[in-house]
Amino acid sequence: MARNRKYQSAAIRFGPALKAILLCLFIGGSGIGYVWQKNQIDELGKQIKKREVRLSDLQRQNKSGRDKLAELGSPKWLDYQVRELRLGLGLPQQSQIRTLIEPPAAPESTNATERLYAERQAR
């Protein structure tokens, strides 16, 4: 004769309920994970955009600084400043210019023994 339900073990009676709870936890956890991941992607996108704006601003400032430096270093601007500040500067006279002649470099010998021999000969 078949056994009554009331005599079934507790594991058999609560098995389907436990499966349903685990399935709900898995689906809920997956949903929470999905939303968290989308939020992280959104935050990273905002950070990237902010840094791109900062980069373009720094590049613009850099270009402005380079242009200003080129303007301040130009001979036209320097000449104007010399006249404006009455510094009395001008082009050097020919007698004030000294030309230095650089002696030719000694050829490099590849062999260490040749180098030692050349050093001994020089003494």
N, C-alpha and C. Protein backbone atom coordinates (compact mmCIF):
# COMPACT_ATOMS: atom_id res chain seq x y z
N MET A 1 0.81 -1.15 0.00
CA MET A 1 0.00 0.00 0.00
C MET A 1 0.87 1.25 0.00
N ALA A 2 0.38 2.33 -0.64
CA ALA A 2 1.15 3.57 -0.77
C ALA A 2 1.18 4.30 0.56
N ARG A 3 2.24 4.97 0.75
CA ARG A 3 2.40 5.70 2.00
C ARG A 3 1.66 7.03 1.93
N ASN A 4 1.24 7.54 3.01
CA ASN A 4 0.58 8.84 3.09
C ASN A 4 1.61 9.96 2.99
N ARG A 5 1.11 11.11 2.56
CA ARG A 5 2.00 12.27 2.47
C ARG A 5 2.50 12.68 3.84
N LYS A 6 1.73 12.49 4.81
CA LYS A 6 2.14 12.95 6.12
C LYS A 6 3.35 12.19 6.65
N TYR A 7 3.64 11.05 6.08
CA TYR A 7 4.80 10.28 6.51
C TYR A 7 6.03 10.49 5.64
N GLN A 8 5.93 11.41 4.64
CA GLN A 8 7.09 11.68 3.79
C GLN A 8 8.12 12.49 4.58
N SER A 9 9.38 12.36 4.16
CA SER A 9 10.42 13.08 4.88
C SER A 9 10.33 14.58 4.60
N ALA A 10 10.90 15.37 5.47
CA ALA A 10 10.84 16.83 5.35
C ALA A 10 11.60 17.32 4.12
N ALA A 11 12.67 16.64 3.74
CA ALA A 11 13.47 17.05 2.58
C ALA A 11 12.67 16.92 1.30
N ILE A 12 11.83 15.92 1.21
CA ILE A 12 11.03 15.72 0.01
C ILE A 12 9.93 16.77 -0.07
N ARG A 13 9.35 17.15 1.06
CA ARG A 13 8.27 18.13 1.07
C ARG A 13 8.78 19.55 0.81
N PHE A 14 9.97 19.92 1.29
CA PHE A 14 10.49 21.27 1.14
C PHE A 14 11.45 21.43 -0.05
N GLY A 15 11.70 20.38 -0.77
CA GLY A 15 12.57 20.42 -1.95
C GLY A 15 12.10 21.41 -3.01
N PRO A 16 10.84 21.34 -3.45
CA PRO A 16 10.37 22.30 -4.46
C PRO A 16 10.40 23.74 -3.95
N ALA A 17 10.10 23.94 -2.68
CA ALA A 17 10.13 25.31 -2.12
C ALA A 17 11.57 25.82 -2.11
N LEU A 18 12.51 24.96 -1.77
CA LEU A 18 13.92 25.36 -1.74
C LEU A 18 14.41 25.70 -3.15
N LYS A 19 14.00 24.91 -4.14
CA LYS A 19 14.36 25.19 -5.53
C LYS A 19 13.80 26.54 -5.97
N ALA A 20 12.56 26.82 -5.61
CA ALA A 20 11.93 28.09 -5.98
C ALA A 20 12.67 29.27 -5.33
N ILE A 21 13.04 29.11 -4.07
CA ILE A 21 13.77 30.18 -3.37
C ILE A 21 15.12 30.41 -4.02
N LEU A 22 15.86 29.36 -4.33
CA LEU A 22 17.17 29.49 -4.96
C LEU A 22 17.04 30.11 -6.35
N LEU A 23 16.02 29.73 -7.10
CA LEU A 23 15.81 30.31 -8.42
C LEU A 23 15.49 31.80 -8.32
N CYS A 24 14.67 32.17 -7.36
CA CYS A 24 14.36 33.60 -7.15
C CYS A 24 15.61 34.37 -6.74
N LEU A 25 16.42 33.80 -5.86
CA LEU A 25 17.67 34.46 -5.45
C LEU A 25 18.62 34.63 -6.64
N PHE A 26 18.71 33.62 -7.49
CA PHE A 26 19.58 33.71 -8.66
C PHE A 26 19.10 34.78 -9.63
N ILE A 27 17.79 34.80 -9.90
CA ILE A 27 17.25 35.80 -10.83
C ILE A 27 17.37 37.21 -10.23
N GLY A 28 17.07 37.34 -8.95
CA GLY A 28 17.20 38.65 -8.29
C GLY A 28 18.64 39.12 -8.24
N GLY A 29 19.55 38.22 -7.92
CA GLY A 29 20.98 38.57 -7.90
C GLY A 29 21.49 38.95 -9.27
N SER A 30 21.04 38.23 -10.28
CA SER A 30 21.44 38.57 -11.64
C SER A 30 20.92 39.95 -12.04
N GLY A 31 19.69 40.26 -11.66
CA GLY A 31 19.12 41.57 -11.96
C GLY A 31 19.88 42.69 -11.26
N ILE A 32 20.19 42.48 -9.99
CA ILE A 32 20.95 43.48 -9.23
C ILE A 32 22.35 43.64 -9.85
N GLY A 33 22.97 42.54 -10.21
CA GLY A 33 24.29 42.61 -10.84
C GLY A 33 24.25 43.34 -12.17
N TYR A 34 23.22 43.12 -12.94
CA TYR A 34 23.06 43.79 -14.23
C TYR A 34 22.90 45.30 -14.04
N VAL A 35 22.06 45.70 -13.11
CA VAL A 35 21.85 47.12 -12.84
C VAL A 35 23.14 47.76 -12.33
N TRP A 36 23.85 47.08 -11.44
CA TRP A 36 25.12 47.61 -10.90
C TRP A 36 26.14 47.79 -12.02
N GLN A 37 26.22 46.79 -12.91
CA GLN A 37 27.16 46.86 -14.02
C GLN A 37 26.82 48.02 -14.96
N LYS A 38 25.56 48.22 -15.26
CA LYS A 38 25.15 49.34 -16.11
C LYS A 38 25.47 50.67 -15.43
N ASN A 39 25.30 50.74 -14.13
CA ASN A 39 25.64 51.95 -13.39
C ASN A 39 27.14 52.22 -13.46
N GLN A 40 27.94 51.19 -13.31
CA GLN A 40 29.39 51.35 -13.40
C GLN A 40 29.80 51.83 -14.79
N ILE A 41 29.20 51.28 -15.83
CA ILE A 41 29.50 51.71 -17.21
C ILE A 41 29.15 53.18 -17.39
N ASP A 42 28.01 53.60 -16.83
CA ASP A 42 27.60 54.99 -16.92
C ASP A 42 28.59 55.90 -16.19
N GLU A 43 29.01 55.50 -14.99
CA GLU A 43 29.98 56.29 -14.22
C GLU A 43 31.32 56.40 -14.96
N LEU A 44 31.78 55.30 -15.52
CA LEU A 44 33.04 55.32 -16.26
C LEU A 44 32.93 56.20 -17.50
N GLY A 45 31.78 56.17 -18.16
CA GLY A 45 31.56 57.04 -19.31
C GLY A 45 31.63 58.51 -18.92
N LYS A 46 31.04 58.85 -17.77
CA LYS A 46 31.11 60.23 -17.28
C LYS A 46 32.55 60.64 -16.97
N GLN A 47 33.31 59.73 -16.35
CA GLN A 47 34.71 60.02 -16.04
C GLN A 47 35.52 60.23 -17.31
N ILE A 48 35.29 59.40 -18.31
CA ILE A 48 36.01 59.53 -19.58
C ILE A 48 35.68 60.86 -20.22
N LYS A 49 34.42 61.23 -20.24
CA LYS A 49 34.01 62.49 -20.84
C LYS A 49 34.64 63.68 -20.11
N LYS A 50 34.66 63.61 -18.78
CA LYS A 50 35.26 64.68 -17.99
C LYS A 50 36.75 64.81 -18.29
N ARG A 51 37.42 63.69 -18.42
CA ARG A 51 38.86 63.73 -18.69
C ARG A 51 39.15 64.18 -20.11
N GLU A 52 38.28 63.83 -21.06
CA GLU A 52 38.46 64.31 -22.44
C GLU A 52 38.30 65.82 -22.51
N VAL A 53 37.32 66.36 -21.76
CA VAL A 53 37.14 67.81 -21.71
C VAL A 53 38.36 68.47 -21.09
N ARG A 54 38.88 67.89 -20.01
CA ARG A 54 40.09 68.44 -19.35
C ARG A 54 41.28 68.38 -20.31
N LEU A 55 41.42 67.28 -21.05
CA LEU A 55 42.52 67.15 -21.99
C LEU A 55 42.44 68.21 -23.08
N SER A 56 41.25 68.41 -23.63
CA SER A 56 41.12 69.42 -24.68
C SER A 56 41.40 70.82 -24.13
N ASP A 57 40.99 71.08 -22.88
CA ASP A 57 41.27 72.37 -22.25
C ASP A 57 42.78 72.56 -22.06
N LEU A 58 43.46 71.52 -21.59
CA LEU A 58 44.91 71.61 -21.40
C LEU A 58 45.64 71.76 -22.74
N GLN A 59 45.16 71.08 -23.78
CA GLN A 59 45.77 71.24 -25.09
C GLN A 59 45.59 72.66 -25.62
N ARG A 60 44.41 73.24 -25.37
CA ARG A 60 44.16 74.62 -25.79
C ARG A 60 45.08 75.58 -25.03
N GLN A 61 45.23 75.37 -23.71
CA GLN A 61 46.13 76.21 -22.92
C GLN A 61 47.57 76.04 -23.38
N ASN A 62 47.95 74.83 -23.71
CA ASN A 62 49.31 74.55 -24.18
C ASN A 62 49.58 75.29 -25.49
N LYS A 63 48.64 75.24 -26.41
CA LYS A 63 48.80 75.93 -27.68
C LYS A 63 48.89 77.43 -27.46
N SER A 64 48.05 77.95 -26.56
CA SER A 64 48.08 79.38 -26.26
C SER A 64 49.44 79.77 -25.67
N GLY A 65 49.97 78.94 -24.78
CA GLY A 65 51.29 79.21 -24.19
C GLY A 65 52.40 79.15 -25.23
N ARG A 66 52.34 78.17 -26.13
CA ARG A 66 53.35 78.08 -27.19
C ARG A 66 53.30 79.30 -28.10
N ASP A 67 52.08 79.73 -28.44
CA ASP A 67 51.94 80.91 -29.30
C ASP A 67 52.50 82.15 -28.61
N LYS A 68 52.20 82.30 -27.32
CA LYS A 68 52.70 83.46 -26.57
C LYS A 68 54.22 83.43 -26.46
N LEU A 69 54.78 82.24 -26.23
CA LEU A 69 56.23 82.11 -26.14
C LEU A 69 56.88 82.45 -27.48
N ALA A 70 56.30 81.99 -28.56
CA ALA A 70 56.84 82.31 -29.89
C ALA A 70 56.77 83.81 -30.15
N GLU A 71 55.69 84.43 -29.72
CA GLU A 71 55.54 85.87 -29.92
C GLU A 71 56.57 86.64 -29.10
N LEU A 72 56.76 86.25 -27.84
CA LEU A 72 57.70 86.97 -26.98
C LEU A 72 59.16 86.72 -27.37
N GLY A 73 59.43 85.63 -28.05
CA GLY A 73 60.79 85.34 -28.46
C GLY A 73 61.11 85.82 -29.87
N SER A 74 60.15 86.41 -30.54
CA SER A 74 60.40 86.84 -31.92
C SER A 74 61.30 88.08 -31.94
N PRO A 75 62.16 88.18 -32.94
CA PRO A 75 63.06 89.34 -33.03
C PRO A 75 62.30 90.67 -33.09
N LYS A 76 61.16 90.67 -33.73
CA LYS A 76 60.37 91.89 -33.83
C LYS A 76 59.94 92.37 -32.43
N TRP A 77 59.43 91.46 -31.61
CA TRP A 77 59.00 91.81 -30.26
C TRP A 77 60.18 92.23 -29.40
N LEU A 78 61.29 91.50 -29.49
CA LEU A 78 62.47 91.85 -28.70
C LEU A 78 63.00 93.21 -29.08
N ASP A 79 63.03 93.52 -30.37
CA ASP A 79 63.48 94.83 -30.82
C ASP A 79 62.57 95.92 -30.29
N TYR A 80 61.28 95.67 -30.31
CA TYR A 80 60.31 96.64 -29.78
C TYR A 80 60.56 96.87 -28.29
N GLN A 81 60.81 95.82 -27.53
CA GLN A 81 61.05 95.95 -26.09
C GLN A 81 62.35 96.71 -25.81
N VAL A 82 63.38 96.46 -26.61
CA VAL A 82 64.65 97.17 -26.43
C VAL A 82 64.43 98.66 -26.64
N ARG A 83 63.68 99.03 -27.69
CA ARG A 83 63.41 100.45 -27.94
C ARG A 83 62.49 101.03 -26.86
N GLU A 84 61.50 100.29 -26.45
CA GLU A 84 60.52 100.77 -25.46
C GLU A 84 61.18 101.02 -24.10
N LEU A 85 62.05 100.11 -23.70
CA LEU A 85 62.71 100.23 -22.39
C LEU A 85 64.00 101.04 -22.44
N ARG A 86 64.36 101.49 -23.64
CA ARG A 86 65.57 102.32 -23.86
C ARG A 86 66.81 101.64 -23.25
N LEU A 87 67.03 100.42 -23.66
CA LEU A 87 68.17 99.66 -23.14
C LEU A 87 69.45 99.97 -23.88
N GLY A 88 69.38 100.56 -25.04
CA GLY A 88 70.57 100.90 -25.80
C GLY A 88 71.27 99.70 -26.40
N LEU A 89 70.54 98.65 -26.61
CA LEU A 89 71.13 97.45 -27.19
C LEU A 89 71.01 97.51 -28.70
N GLY A 90 71.94 96.87 -29.36
CA GLY A 90 71.90 96.81 -30.82
C GLY A 90 72.69 95.63 -31.30
N LEU A 91 72.87 95.56 -32.60
CA LEU A 91 73.66 94.47 -33.16
C LEU A 91 75.12 94.64 -32.78
N PRO A 92 75.85 93.56 -32.56
CA PRO A 92 77.26 93.67 -32.19
C PRO A 92 78.10 94.15 -33.37
N GLN A 93 79.18 94.88 -33.04
CA GLN A 93 80.13 95.31 -34.07
C GLN A 93 80.93 94.11 -34.54
N GLN A 94 81.50 94.22 -35.70
CA GLN A 94 82.27 93.11 -36.25
C GLN A 94 83.47 92.79 -35.36
N SER A 95 84.03 93.81 -34.70
CA SER A 95 85.19 93.58 -33.83
C SER A 95 84.79 92.87 -32.54
N GLN A 96 83.52 92.87 -32.21
CA GLN A 96 83.05 92.21 -30.99
C GLN A 96 82.74 90.72 -31.21
N ILE A 97 82.76 90.29 -32.42
CA ILE A 97 82.43 88.89 -32.73
C ILE A 97 83.69 88.07 -32.78
N ARG A 98 83.72 86.99 -32.03
CA ARG A 98 84.86 86.07 -32.03
C ARG A 98 84.41 84.75 -32.63
N THR A 99 85.16 84.25 -33.58
CA THR A 99 84.86 82.98 -34.21
C THR A 99 85.83 81.94 -33.68
N LEU A 100 85.30 80.88 -33.14
CA LEU A 100 86.13 79.80 -32.60
C LEU A 100 86.12 78.64 -33.58
N ILE A 101 87.29 78.11 -33.83
CA ILE A 101 87.42 76.97 -34.73
C ILE A 101 87.58 75.73 -33.87
N GLU A 102 86.74 74.78 -34.12
CA GLU A 102 86.78 73.54 -33.36
C GLU A 102 87.77 72.59 -34.02
N PRO A 103 88.73 72.06 -33.24
CA PRO A 103 89.69 71.11 -33.84
C PRO A 103 88.97 69.83 -34.24
N PRO A 104 89.47 69.19 -35.28
CA PRO A 104 88.81 67.94 -35.71
C PRO A 104 88.97 66.86 -34.64
N ALA A 105 87.97 66.05 -34.52
CA ALA A 105 87.98 64.98 -33.53
C ALA A 105 88.92 63.88 -34.00
N ALA A 106 89.62 63.29 -33.03
CA ALA A 106 90.51 62.17 -33.34
C ALA A 106 89.66 60.98 -33.74
N PRO A 107 90.11 60.23 -34.76
CA PRO A 107 89.32 59.06 -35.17
C PRO A 107 89.28 58.02 -34.05
N GLU A 108 88.14 57.44 -33.88
CA GLU A 108 87.95 56.43 -32.85
C GLU A 108 88.47 55.09 -33.38
N SER A 109 89.38 54.50 -32.63
CA SER A 109 89.87 53.18 -33.02
C SER A 109 88.98 52.14 -32.36
N THR A 110 88.67 51.12 -33.10
CA THR A 110 87.74 50.11 -32.59
C THR A 110 88.45 49.09 -31.72
N ASN A 111 89.71 48.91 -31.90
CA ASN A 111 90.43 47.90 -31.17
C ASN A 111 91.03 48.50 -29.90
N ALA A 112 90.86 47.84 -28.78
CA ALA A 112 91.36 48.34 -27.50
C ALA A 112 92.89 48.37 -27.49
N THR A 113 93.52 47.40 -28.12
CA THR A 113 94.99 47.38 -28.12
C THR A 113 95.54 48.55 -28.94
N GLU A 114 94.85 48.91 -30.04
CA GLU A 114 95.29 50.06 -30.83
C GLU A 114 95.15 51.34 -30.02
N ARG A 115 94.11 51.44 -29.22
CA ARG A 115 93.90 52.61 -28.40
C ARG A 115 95.01 52.72 -27.35
N LEU A 116 95.37 51.61 -26.71
CA LEU A 116 96.45 51.62 -25.72
C LEU A 116 97.78 52.00 -26.37
N TYR A 117 98.01 51.50 -27.57
CA TYR A 117 99.24 51.82 -28.29
C TYR A 117 99.29 53.30 -28.62
N ALA A 118 98.15 53.87 -29.03
CA ALA A 118 98.10 55.30 -29.36
C ALA A 118 98.33 56.15 -28.13
N GLU A 119 97.83 55.71 -26.98
CA GLU A 119 98.04 56.46 -25.74
C GLU A 119 99.51 56.42 -25.34
N ARG A 120 100.18 55.29 -25.52
CA ARG A 120 101.59 55.19 -25.18
C ARG A 120 102.44 56.05 -26.11
N GLN A 121 102.07 56.11 -27.37
CA GLN A 121 102.81 56.91 -28.35
C GLN A 121 102.67 58.40 -28.02
N ALA A 122 101.51 58.79 -27.50
CA ALA A 122 101.27 60.20 -27.18
C ALA A 122 102.10 60.64 -25.98
N ARG A 123 102.50 59.75 -25.11
CA ARG A 123 103.30 60.10 -23.94
C ARG A 123 104.70 60.30 -24.38
